[in-house]
Amino acid sequence: MPQPEFLDERGSFIVKLYKYGEEKNISKPVEIENRELILFCKTPRTRKEICDYLGLSSVTYAIQTHVMPLVDKGIIKMSMPDKPKSPKQLFYTDMFE
């Protein structure tokens, strides 16, 4: 039997169990979502713009779970990397230039 998947999403703990032989196909939607977010950030965006684009109500959650992993990988950049919590911070990418 495939290993279960453990997810912690906004205060909910989810365990996904898969039937024998059923393939987990969770990475593709995440990759597609990341690609769309990266394309959206081709124009520098504020935290609020990104949160609205993702359809989330919590700006902090949107940035911590969706943007900062891409910043850590160097895919999305911050306009003021020395002031990550600045209210004037913008997030952008130059990957598709």
PDB file of N, CA and C in Angstrom:
ATOM      1  N   MET A   1       0.848  -1.174   0.000  1.00  0.00           N
ATOM      2  CA  MET A   1       0.000   0.000   0.000  1.00  0.00           C
ATOM      3  C   MET A   1       0.894   1.238   0.000  1.00  0.00           C
ATOM      4  N   PRO A   2       0.594   2.255  -0.831  1.00  0.00           N
ATOM      5  CA  PRO A   2       1.414   3.469  -0.842  1.00  0.00           C
ATOM      6  C   PRO A   2       1.376   4.185   0.501  1.00  0.00           C
ATOM      7  N   GLN A   3       2.433   4.919   0.770  1.00  0.00           N
ATOM      8  CA  GLN A   3       2.527   5.677   2.015  1.00  0.00           C
ATOM      9  C   GLN A   3       1.430   6.733   2.080  1.00  0.00           C
ATOM     10  N   PRO A   4       0.855   6.972   3.262  1.00  0.00           N
ATOM     11  CA  PRO A   4      -0.147   8.036   3.384  1.00  0.00           C
ATOM     12  C   PRO A   4       0.517   9.398   3.223  1.00  0.00           C
ATOM     13  N   GLU A   5      -0.285  10.369   2.894  1.00  0.00           N
ATOM     14  CA  GLU A   5       0.198  11.741   2.735  1.00  0.00           C
ATOM     15  C   GLU A   5      -0.385  12.565   3.876  1.00  0.00           C
ATOM     16  N   PHE A   6       0.455  13.330   4.574  1.00  0.00           N
ATOM     17  CA  PHE A   6       0.028  14.145   5.700  1.00  0.00           C
ATOM     18  C   PHE A   6       0.114  15.609   5.300  1.00  0.00           C
ATOM     19  N   LEU A   7      -0.998  16.329   5.432  1.00  0.00           N
ATOM     20  CA  LEU A   7      -1.053  17.743   5.060  1.00  0.00           C
ATOM     21  C   LEU A   7      -1.537  18.570   6.238  1.00  0.00           C
ATOM     22  N   ASP A   8      -0.928  19.719   6.435  1.00  0.00           N
ATOM     23  CA  ASP A   8      -1.350  20.663   7.468  1.00  0.00           C
ATOM     24  C   ASP A   8      -1.723  21.950   6.757  1.00  0.00           C
ATOM     25  N   GLU A   9      -3.015  22.204   6.617  1.00  0.00           N
ATOM     26  CA  GLU A   9      -3.488  23.356   5.856  1.00  0.00           C
ATOM     27  C   GLU A   9      -4.381  24.232   6.710  1.00  0.00           C
ATOM     28  N   ARG A  10      -3.871  25.390   7.055  1.00  0.00           N
ATOM     29  CA  ARG A  10      -4.642  26.414   7.765  1.00  0.00           C
ATOM     30  C   ARG A  10      -5.414  25.867   8.955  1.00  0.00           C
ATOM     31  N   GLY A  11      -4.750  25.186   9.827  1.00  0.00           N
ATOM     32  CA  GLY A  11      -5.375  24.695  11.035  1.00  0.00           C
ATOM     33  C   GLY A  11      -6.079  23.360  10.894  1.00  0.00           C
ATOM     34  N   SER A  12      -6.087  22.782   9.723  1.00  0.00           N
ATOM     35  CA  SER A  12      -6.682  21.465   9.514  1.00  0.00           C
ATOM     36  C   SER A  12      -5.576  20.466   9.212  1.00  0.00           C
ATOM     37  N   PHE A  13      -5.695  19.299   9.792  1.00  0.00           N
ATOM     38  CA  PHE A  13      -4.726  18.245   9.534  1.00  0.00           C
ATOM     39  C   PHE A  13      -5.423  17.194   8.690  1.00  0.00           C
ATOM     40  N   ILE A  14      -4.857  16.915   7.515  1.00  0.00           N
ATOM     41  CA  ILE A  14      -5.478  16.000   6.570  1.00  0.00           C
ATOM     42  C   ILE A  14      -4.543  14.823   6.319  1.00  0.00           C
ATOM     43  N   VAL A  15      -5.109  13.622   6.331  1.00  0.00           N
ATOM     44  CA  VAL A  15      -4.357  12.426   5.992  1.00  0.00           C
ATOM     45  C   VAL A  15      -5.012  11.832   4.754  1.00  0.00           C
ATOM     46  N   LYS A  16      -4.200  11.648   3.694  1.00  0.00           N
ATOM     47  CA  LYS A  16      -4.718  11.038   2.471  1.00  0.00           C
ATOM     48  C   LYS A  16      -4.167   9.626   2.373  1.00  0.00           C
ATOM     49  N   LEU A  17      -5.086   8.673   2.237  1.00  0.00           N
ATOM     50  CA  LEU A  17      -4.717   7.277   2.062  1.00  0.00           C
ATOM     51  C   LEU A  17      -5.021   6.892   0.621  1.00  0.00           C
ATOM     52  N   TYR A  18      -4.103   6.171  -0.004  1.00  0.00           N
ATOM     53  CA  TYR A  18      -4.261   5.780  -1.392  1.00  0.00           C
ATOM     54  C   TYR A  18      -4.427   4.269  -1.493  1.00  0.00           C
ATOM     55  N   LYS A  19      -5.303   3.853  -2.404  1.00  0.00           N
ATOM     56  CA  LYS A  19      -5.490   2.438  -2.665  1.00  0.00           C
ATOM     57  C   LYS A  19      -4.235   1.871  -3.300  1.00  0.00           C
ATOM     58  N   TYR A  20      -4.055   0.589  -3.159  1.00  0.00           N
ATOM     59  CA  TYR A  20      -2.916  -0.072  -3.769  1.00  0.00           C
ATOM     60  C   TYR A  20      -2.975   0.135  -5.278  1.00  0.00           C
ATOM     61  N   GLY A  21      -1.882   0.570  -5.873  1.00  0.00           N
ATOM     62  CA  GLY A  21      -1.802   0.764  -7.311  1.00  0.00           C
ATOM     63  C   GLY A  21      -2.288   2.116  -7.785  1.00  0.00           C
ATOM     64  N   GLU A  22      -2.954   2.885  -6.933  1.00  0.00           N
ATOM     65  CA  GLU A  22      -3.414   4.211  -7.330  1.00  0.00           C
ATOM     66  C   GLU A  22      -2.252   5.180  -7.204  1.00  0.00           C
ATOM     67  N   GLU A  23      -1.964   5.873  -8.279  1.00  0.00           N
ATOM     68  CA  GLU A  23      -0.820   6.777  -8.263  1.00  0.00           C
ATOM     69  C   GLU A  23      -1.204   8.126  -7.690  1.00  0.00           C
ATOM     70  N   LYS A  24      -0.299   8.658  -6.907  1.00  0.00           N
ATOM     71  CA  LYS A  24      -0.488  10.003  -6.385  1.00  0.00           C
ATOM     72  C   LYS A  24      -0.092  10.978  -7.487  1.00  0.00           C
ATOM     73  N   ASN A  25      -0.964  11.895  -7.773  1.00  0.00           N
ATOM     74  CA  ASN A  25      -0.678  12.889  -8.792  1.00  0.00           C
ATOM     75  C   ASN A  25      -0.932  14.271  -8.213  1.00  0.00           C
ATOM     76  N   ILE A  26      -0.187  14.598  -7.161  1.00  0.00           N
ATOM     77  CA  ILE A  26      -0.417  15.866  -6.483  1.00  0.00           C
ATOM     78  C   ILE A  26       0.555  16.950  -6.935  1.00  0.00           C
ATOM     79  N   SER A  27       1.664  16.591  -7.530  1.00  0.00           N
ATOM     80  CA  SER A  27       2.665  17.595  -7.860  1.00  0.00           C
ATOM     81  C   SER A  27       2.288  18.435  -9.079  1.00  0.00           C
ATOM     82  N   LYS A  28       1.579  17.896 -10.034  1.00  0.00           N
ATOM     83  CA  LYS A  28       1.264  18.653 -11.237  1.00  0.00           C
ATOM     84  C   LYS A  28       0.387  19.864 -10.960  1.00  0.00           C
ATOM     85  N   PRO A  29      -0.726  19.754 -10.197  1.00  0.00           N
ATOM     86  CA  PRO A  29      -1.515  20.955  -9.925  1.00  0.00           C
ATOM     87  C   PRO A  29      -0.713  22.018  -9.187  1.00  0.00           C
ATOM     88  N   VAL A  30       0.137  21.596  -8.273  1.00  0.00           N
ATOM     89  CA  VAL A  30       0.953  22.556  -7.540  1.00  0.00           C
ATOM     90  C   VAL A  30       1.907  23.251  -8.496  1.00  0.00           C
ATOM     91  N   GLU A  31       2.532  22.492  -9.396  1.00  0.00           N
ATOM     92  CA  GLU A  31       3.447  23.088 -10.357  1.00  0.00           C
ATOM     93  C   GLU A  31       2.717  24.056 -11.284  1.00  0.00           C
ATOM     94  N   ILE A  32       1.521  23.697 -11.709  1.00  0.00           N
ATOM     95  CA  ILE A  32       0.738  24.580 -12.579  1.00  0.00           C
ATOM     96  C   ILE A  32       0.382  25.854 -11.833  1.00  0.00           C
ATOM     97  N   GLU A  33      -0.039  25.714 -10.576  1.00  0.00           N
ATOM     98  CA  GLU A  33      -0.384  26.881  -9.772  1.00  0.00           C
ATOM     99  C   GLU A  33       0.840  27.781  -9.594  1.00  0.00           C
ATOM    100  N   ASN A  34       1.997  27.176  -9.311  1.00  0.00           N
ATOM    101  CA  ASN A  34       3.218  27.969  -9.159  1.00  0.00           C
ATOM    102  C   ASN A  34       3.552  28.692 -10.454  1.00  0.00           C
ATOM    103  N   ARG A  35       3.418  28.014 -11.562  1.00  0.00           N
ATOM    104  CA  ARG A  35       3.731  28.642 -12.855  1.00  0.00           C
ATOM    105  C   ARG A  35       2.824  29.837 -13.097  1.00  0.00           C
ATOM    106  N   GLU A  36       1.553  29.705 -12.783  1.00  0.00           N
ATOM    107  CA  GLU A  36       0.617  30.818 -12.966  1.00  0.00           C
ATOM    108  C   GLU A  36       0.962  31.974 -12.039  1.00  0.00           C
ATOM    109  N   LEU A  37       1.349  31.670 -10.813  1.00  0.00           N
ATOM    110  CA  LEU A  37       1.754  32.715  -9.875  1.00  0.00           C
ATOM    111  C   LEU A  37       3.028  33.404 -10.360  1.00  0.00           C
ATOM    112  N   ILE A  38       3.960  32.630 -10.884  1.00  0.00           N
ATOM    113  CA  ILE A  38       5.201  33.196 -11.411  1.00  0.00           C
ATOM    114  C   ILE A  38       4.892  34.129 -12.587  1.00  0.00           C
ATOM    115  N   LEU A  39       4.012  33.696 -13.476  1.00  0.00           N
ATOM    116  CA  LEU A  39       3.619  34.554 -14.604  1.00  0.00           C
ATOM    117  C   LEU A  39       2.921  35.816 -14.112  1.00  0.00           C
ATOM    118  N   PHE A  40       2.090  35.687 -13.084  1.00  0.00           N
ATOM    119  CA  PHE A  40       1.390  36.839 -12.512  1.00  0.00           C
ATOM    120  C   PHE A  40       2.389  37.843 -11.951  1.00  0.00           C
ATOM    121  N   CYS A  41       3.484  37.352 -11.393  1.00  0.00           N
ATOM    122  CA  CYS A  41       4.488  38.220 -10.777  1.00  0.00           C
ATOM    123  C   CYS A  41       5.502  38.757 -11.783  1.00  0.00           C
ATOM    124  N   LYS A  42       5.249  38.555 -13.063  1.00  0.00           N
ATOM    125  CA  LYS A  42       6.116  39.159 -14.065  1.00  0.00           C
ATOM    126  C   LYS A  42       6.079  40.681 -13.909  1.00  0.00           C
ATOM    127  N   THR A  43       4.921  41.190 -13.524  1.00  0.00           N
ATOM    128  CA  THR A  43       4.765  42.577 -13.114  1.00  0.00           C
ATOM    129  C   THR A  43       4.911  42.598 -11.597  1.00  0.00           C
ATOM    130  N   PRO A  44       5.732  43.475 -11.031  1.00  0.00           N
ATOM    131  CA  PRO A  44       5.882  43.498  -9.561  1.00  0.00           C
ATOM    132  C   PRO A  44       4.527  43.651  -8.866  1.00  0.00           C
ATOM    133  N   ARG A  45       4.309  42.822  -7.844  1.00  0.00           N
ATOM    134  CA  ARG A  45       3.011  42.771  -7.155  1.00  0.00           C
ATOM    135  C   ARG A  45       3.166  42.966  -5.658  1.00  0.00           C
ATOM    136  N   THR A  46       2.147  43.555  -5.053  1.00  0.00           N
ATOM    137  CA  THR A  46       2.101  43.709  -3.598  1.00  0.00           C
ATOM    138  C   THR A  46       1.587  42.420  -2.971  1.00  0.00           C
ATOM    139  N   ARG A  47       1.723  42.329  -1.668  1.00  0.00           N
ATOM    140  CA  ARG A  47       1.193  41.165  -0.941  1.00  0.00           C
ATOM    141  C   ARG A  47      -0.303  41.015  -1.178  1.00  0.00           C
ATOM    142  N   LYS A  48      -1.025  42.128  -1.104  1.00  0.00           N
ATOM    143  CA  LYS A  48      -2.477  42.114  -1.250  1.00  0.00           C
ATOM    144  C   LYS A  48      -2.883  41.662  -2.656  1.00  0.00           C
ATOM    145  N   GLU A  49      -2.178  42.118  -3.674  1.00  0.00           N
ATOM    146  CA  GLU A  49      -2.490  41.704  -5.047  1.00  0.00           C
ATOM    147  C   GLU A  49      -2.308  40.200  -5.211  1.00  0.00           C
ATOM    148  N   ILE A  50      -1.240  39.668  -4.639  1.00  0.00           N
ATOM    149  CA  ILE A  50      -0.987  38.228  -4.725  1.00  0.00           C
ATOM    150  C   ILE A  50      -2.065  37.450  -3.979  1.00  0.00           C
ATOM    151  N   CYS A  51      -2.433  37.930  -2.798  1.00  0.00           N
ATOM    152  CA  CYS A  51      -3.476  37.275  -2.002  1.00  0.00           C
ATOM    153  C   CYS A  51      -4.799  37.257  -2.778  1.00  0.00           C
ATOM    154  N   ASP A  52      -5.162  38.380  -3.364  1.00  0.00           N
ATOM    155  CA  ASP A  52      -6.400  38.447  -4.146  1.00  0.00           C
ATOM    156  C   ASP A  52      -6.335  37.527  -5.351  1.00  0.00           C
ATOM    157  N   TYR A  53      -5.191  37.480  -6.021  1.00  0.00           N
ATOM    158  CA  TYR A  53      -5.019  36.621  -7.193  1.00  0.00           C
ATOM    159  C   TYR A  53      -5.199  35.146  -6.826  1.00  0.00           C
ATOM    160  N   LEU A  54      -4.668  34.756  -5.668  1.00  0.00           N
ATOM    161  CA  LEU A  54      -4.777  33.369  -5.218  1.00  0.00           C
ATOM    162  C   LEU A  54      -6.151  33.047  -4.643  1.00  0.00           C
ATOM    163  N   GLY A  55      -6.977  34.069  -4.430  1.00  0.00           N
ATOM    164  CA  GLY A  55      -8.311  33.860  -3.885  1.00  0.00           C
ATOM    165  C   GLY A  55      -8.307  33.510  -2.410  1.00  0.00           C
ATOM    166  N   LEU A  56      -7.299  34.011  -1.688  1.00  0.00           N
ATOM    167  CA  LEU A  56      -7.186  33.732  -0.262  1.00  0.00           C
ATOM    168  C   LEU A  56      -7.541  34.971   0.543  1.00  0.00           C
ATOM    169  N   SER A  57      -7.965  34.762   1.782  1.00  0.00           N
ATOM    170  CA  SER A  57      -8.332  35.902   2.619  1.00  0.00           C
ATOM    171  C   SER A  57      -7.191  36.354   3.524  1.00  0.00           C
ATOM    172  N   SER A  58      -6.223  35.502   3.764  1.00  0.00           N
ATOM    173  CA  SER A  58      -5.110  35.834   4.646  1.00  0.00           C
ATOM    174  C   SER A  58      -3.854  36.147   3.830  1.00  0.00           C
ATOM    175  N   VAL A  59      -3.423  37.392   3.911  1.00  0.00           N
ATOM    176  CA  VAL A  59      -2.215  37.809   3.196  1.00  0.00           C
ATOM    177  C   VAL A  59      -1.005  37.057   3.733  1.00  0.00           C
ATOM    178  N   THR A  60      -0.916  36.936   5.048  1.00  0.00           N
ATOM    179  CA  THR A  60       0.217  36.244   5.666  1.00  0.00           C
ATOM    180  C   THR A  60       0.294  34.801   5.189  1.00  0.00           C
ATOM    181  N   TYR A  61      -0.822  34.102   5.176  1.00  0.00           N
ATOM    182  CA  TYR A  61      -0.859  32.714   4.722  1.00  0.00           C
ATOM    183  C   TYR A  61      -0.437  32.614   3.255  1.00  0.00           C
ATOM    184  N   ALA A  62      -0.962  33.512   2.420  1.00  0.00           N
ATOM    185  CA  ALA A  62      -0.642  33.492   0.986  1.00  0.00           C
ATOM    186  C   ALA A  62       0.854  33.661   0.765  1.00  0.00           C
ATOM    187  N   ILE A  63       1.461  34.602   1.464  1.00  0.00           N
ATOM    188  CA  ILE A  63       2.884  34.872   1.278  1.00  0.00           C
ATOM    189  C   ILE A  63       3.722  33.726   1.830  1.00  0.00           C
ATOM    190  N   GLN A  64       3.403  33.256   3.028  1.00  0.00           N
ATOM    191  CA  GLN A  64       4.215  32.202   3.653  1.00  0.00           C
ATOM    192  C   GLN A  64       4.136  30.882   2.908  1.00  0.00           C
ATOM    193  N   THR A  65       2.969  30.514   2.413  1.00  0.00           N
ATOM    194  CA  THR A  65       2.818  29.186   1.817  1.00  0.00           C
ATOM    195  C   THR A  65       3.018  29.153   0.307  1.00  0.00           C
ATOM    196  N   HIS A  66       2.782  30.260  -0.376  1.00  0.00           N
ATOM    197  CA  HIS A  66       2.869  30.258  -1.830  1.00  0.00           C
ATOM    198  C   HIS A  66       4.066  31.040  -2.375  1.00  0.00           C
ATOM    199  N   VAL A  67       4.353  32.188  -1.783  1.00  0.00           N
ATOM    200  CA  VAL A  67       5.389  33.062  -2.340  1.00  0.00           C
ATOM    201  C   VAL A  67       6.770  32.782  -1.766  1.00  0.00           C
ATOM    202  N   MET A  68       6.880  32.691  -0.456  1.00  0.00           N
ATOM    203  CA  MET A  68       8.204  32.549   0.154  1.00  0.00           C
ATOM    204  C   MET A  68       8.948  31.279  -0.285  1.00  0.00           C
ATOM    205  N   PRO A  69       8.279  30.141  -0.502  1.00  0.00           N
ATOM    206  CA  PRO A  69       9.019  28.997  -1.039  1.00  0.00           C
ATOM    207  C   PRO A  69       9.643  29.295  -2.408  1.00  0.00           C
ATOM    208  N   LEU A  70       8.959  30.090  -3.221  1.00  0.00           N
ATOM    209  CA  LEU A  70       9.500  30.463  -4.526  1.00  0.00           C
ATOM    210  C   LEU A  70      10.613  31.500  -4.381  1.00  0.00           C
ATOM    211  N   VAL A  71      10.509  32.356  -3.373  1.00  0.00           N
ATOM    212  CA  VAL A  71      11.584  33.320  -3.088  1.00  0.00           C
ATOM    213  C   VAL A  71      12.827  32.557  -2.639  1.00  0.00           C
ATOM    214  N   ASP A  72      12.638  31.568  -1.761  1.00  0.00           N
ATOM    215  CA  ASP A  72      13.767  30.764  -1.272  1.00  0.00           C
ATOM    216  C   ASP A  72      14.483  30.041  -2.405  1.00  0.00           C
ATOM    217  N   LYS A  73      13.736  29.655  -3.443  1.00  0.00           N
ATOM    218  CA  LYS A  73      14.328  28.967  -4.592  1.00  0.00           C
ATOM    219  C   LYS A  73      14.920  29.945  -5.610  1.00  0.00           C
ATOM    220  N   GLY A  74      14.716  31.247  -5.391  1.00  0.00           N
ATOM    221  CA  GLY A  74      15.243  32.257  -6.306  1.00  0.00           C
ATOM    222  C   GLY A  74      14.380  32.483  -7.530  1.00  0.00           C
ATOM    223  N   ILE A  75      13.166  31.955  -7.528  1.00  0.00           N
ATOM    224  CA  ILE A  75      12.272  32.090  -8.679  1.00  0.00           C
ATOM    225  C   ILE A  75      11.561  33.440  -8.644  1.00  0.00           C
ATOM    226  N   ILE A  76      11.075  33.805  -7.470  1.00  0.00           N
ATOM    227  CA  ILE A  76      10.465  35.120  -7.264  1.00  0.00           C
ATOM    228  C   ILE A  76      11.432  35.928  -6.412  1.00  0.00           C
ATOM    229  N   LYS A  77      11.533  37.203  -6.731  1.00  0.00           N
ATOM    230  CA  LYS A  77      12.454  38.090  -6.016  1.00  0.00           C
ATOM    231  C   LYS A  77      11.681  39.172  -5.287  1.00  0.00           C
ATOM    232  N   MET A  78      12.326  39.733  -4.268  1.00  0.00           N
ATOM    233  CA  MET A  78      11.730  40.832  -3.517  1.00  0.00           C
ATOM    234  C   MET A  78      12.381  42.138  -3.954  1.00  0.00           C
ATOM    235  N   SER A  79      11.581  43.193  -4.042  1.00  0.00           N
ATOM    236  CA  SER A  79      12.123  44.489  -4.441  1.00  0.00           C
ATOM    237  C   SER A  79      13.048  45.064  -3.371  1.00  0.00           C
ATOM    238  N   MET A  80      12.802  44.720  -2.122  1.00  0.00           N
ATOM    239  CA  MET A  80      13.639  45.177  -1.010  1.00  0.00           C
ATOM    240  C   MET A  80      14.051  43.968  -0.163  1.00  0.00           C
ATOM    241  N   PRO A  81      15.008  43.177  -0.629  1.00  0.00           N
ATOM    242  CA  PRO A  81      15.359  41.952   0.090  1.00  0.00           C
ATOM    243  C   PRO A  81      15.908  42.192   1.502  1.00  0.00           C
ATOM    244  N   ASP A  82      16.443  43.378   1.745  1.00  0.00           N
ATOM    245  CA  ASP A  82      16.960  43.689   3.078  1.00  0.00           C
ATOM    246  C   ASP A  82      15.850  44.085   4.049  1.00  0.00           C
ATOM    247  N   LYS A  83      14.620  44.302   3.541  1.00  0.00           N
ATOM    248  CA  LYS A  83      13.464  44.646   4.376  1.00  0.00           C
ATOM    249  C   LYS A  83      12.285  43.753   3.995  1.00  0.00           C
ATOM    250  N   PRO A  84      12.356  42.456   4.315  1.00  0.00           N
ATOM    251  CA  PRO A  84      11.318  41.526   3.846  1.00  0.00           C
ATOM    252  C   PRO A  84       9.912  41.816   4.360  1.00  0.00           C
ATOM    253  N   LYS A  85       9.772  42.495   5.486  1.00  0.00           N
ATOM    254  CA  LYS A  85       8.431  42.751   6.039  1.00  0.00           C
ATOM    255  C   LYS A  85       7.931  44.164   5.751  1.00  0.00           C
ATOM    256  N   SER A  86       8.634  44.883   4.897  1.00  0.00           N
ATOM    257  CA  SER A  86       8.229  46.243   4.555  1.00  0.00           C
ATOM    258  C   SER A  86       6.850  46.248   3.898  1.00  0.00           C
ATOM    259  N   PRO A  87       5.987  47.188   4.286  1.00  0.00           N
ATOM    260  CA  PRO A  87       4.672  47.270   3.639  1.00  0.00           C
ATOM    261  C   PRO A  87       4.771  47.682   2.170  1.00  0.00           C
ATOM    262  N   LYS A  88       5.917  48.203   1.764  1.00  0.00           N
ATOM    263  CA  LYS A  88       6.118  48.606   0.372  1.00  0.00           C
ATOM    264  C   LYS A  88       6.803  47.517  -0.459  1.00  0.00           C
ATOM    265  N   GLN A  89       6.963  46.350   0.130  1.00  0.00           N
ATOM    266  CA  GLN A  89       7.630  45.231  -0.539  1.00  0.00           C
ATOM    267  C   GLN A  89       6.840  44.797  -1.778  1.00  0.00           C
ATOM    268  N   LEU A  90       7.554  44.555  -2.862  1.00  0.00           N
ATOM    269  CA  LEU A  90       6.953  44.020  -4.081  1.00  0.00           C
ATOM    270  C   LEU A  90       7.638  42.710  -4.431  1.00  0.00           C
ATOM    271  N   PHE A  91       6.885  41.804  -5.013  1.00  0.00           N
ATOM    272  CA  PHE A  91       7.410  40.504  -5.430  1.00  0.00           C
ATOM    273  C   PHE A  91       7.332  40.441  -6.950  1.00  0.00           C
ATOM    274  N   TYR A  92       8.433  39.996  -7.572  1.00  0.00           N
ATOM    275  CA  TYR A  92       8.491  39.953  -9.025  1.00  0.00           C
ATOM    276  C   TYR A  92       9.377  38.815  -9.493  1.00  0.00           C
ATOM    277  N   THR A  93       9.270  38.510 -10.768  1.00  0.00           N
ATOM    278  CA  THR A  93      10.146  37.521 -11.375  1.00  0.00           C
ATOM    279  C   THR A  93      10.605  38.041 -12.729  1.00  0.00           C
ATOM    280  N   ASP A  94      11.792  37.628 -13.134  1.00  0.00           N
ATOM    281  CA  ASP A  94      12.298  37.987 -14.452  1.00  0.00           C
ATOM    282  C   ASP A  94      12.591  36.722 -15.257  1.00  0.00           C
ATOM    283  N   MET A  95      11.958  35.616 -14.862  1.00  0.00           N
ATOM    284  CA  MET A  95      12.196  34.327 -15.512  1.00  0.00           C
ATOM    285  C   MET A  95      11.743  34.281 -16.958  1.00  0.00           C
ATOM    286  N   PHE A  96      10.701  35.011 -17.307  1.00  0.00           N
ATOM    287  CA  PHE A  96      10.109  34.883 -18.630  1.00  0.00           C
ATOM    288  C   PHE A  96      10.398  36.083 -19.516  1.00  0.00           C
ATOM    289  N   GLU A  97      11.501  36.758 -19.258  1.00  0.00           N
ATOM    290  CA  GLU A  97      11.860  37.907 -20.096  1.00  0.00           C
ATOM    291  C   GLU A  97      12.652  37.460 -21.296  1.00  0.00           C
TER     292      GLU A  97
END
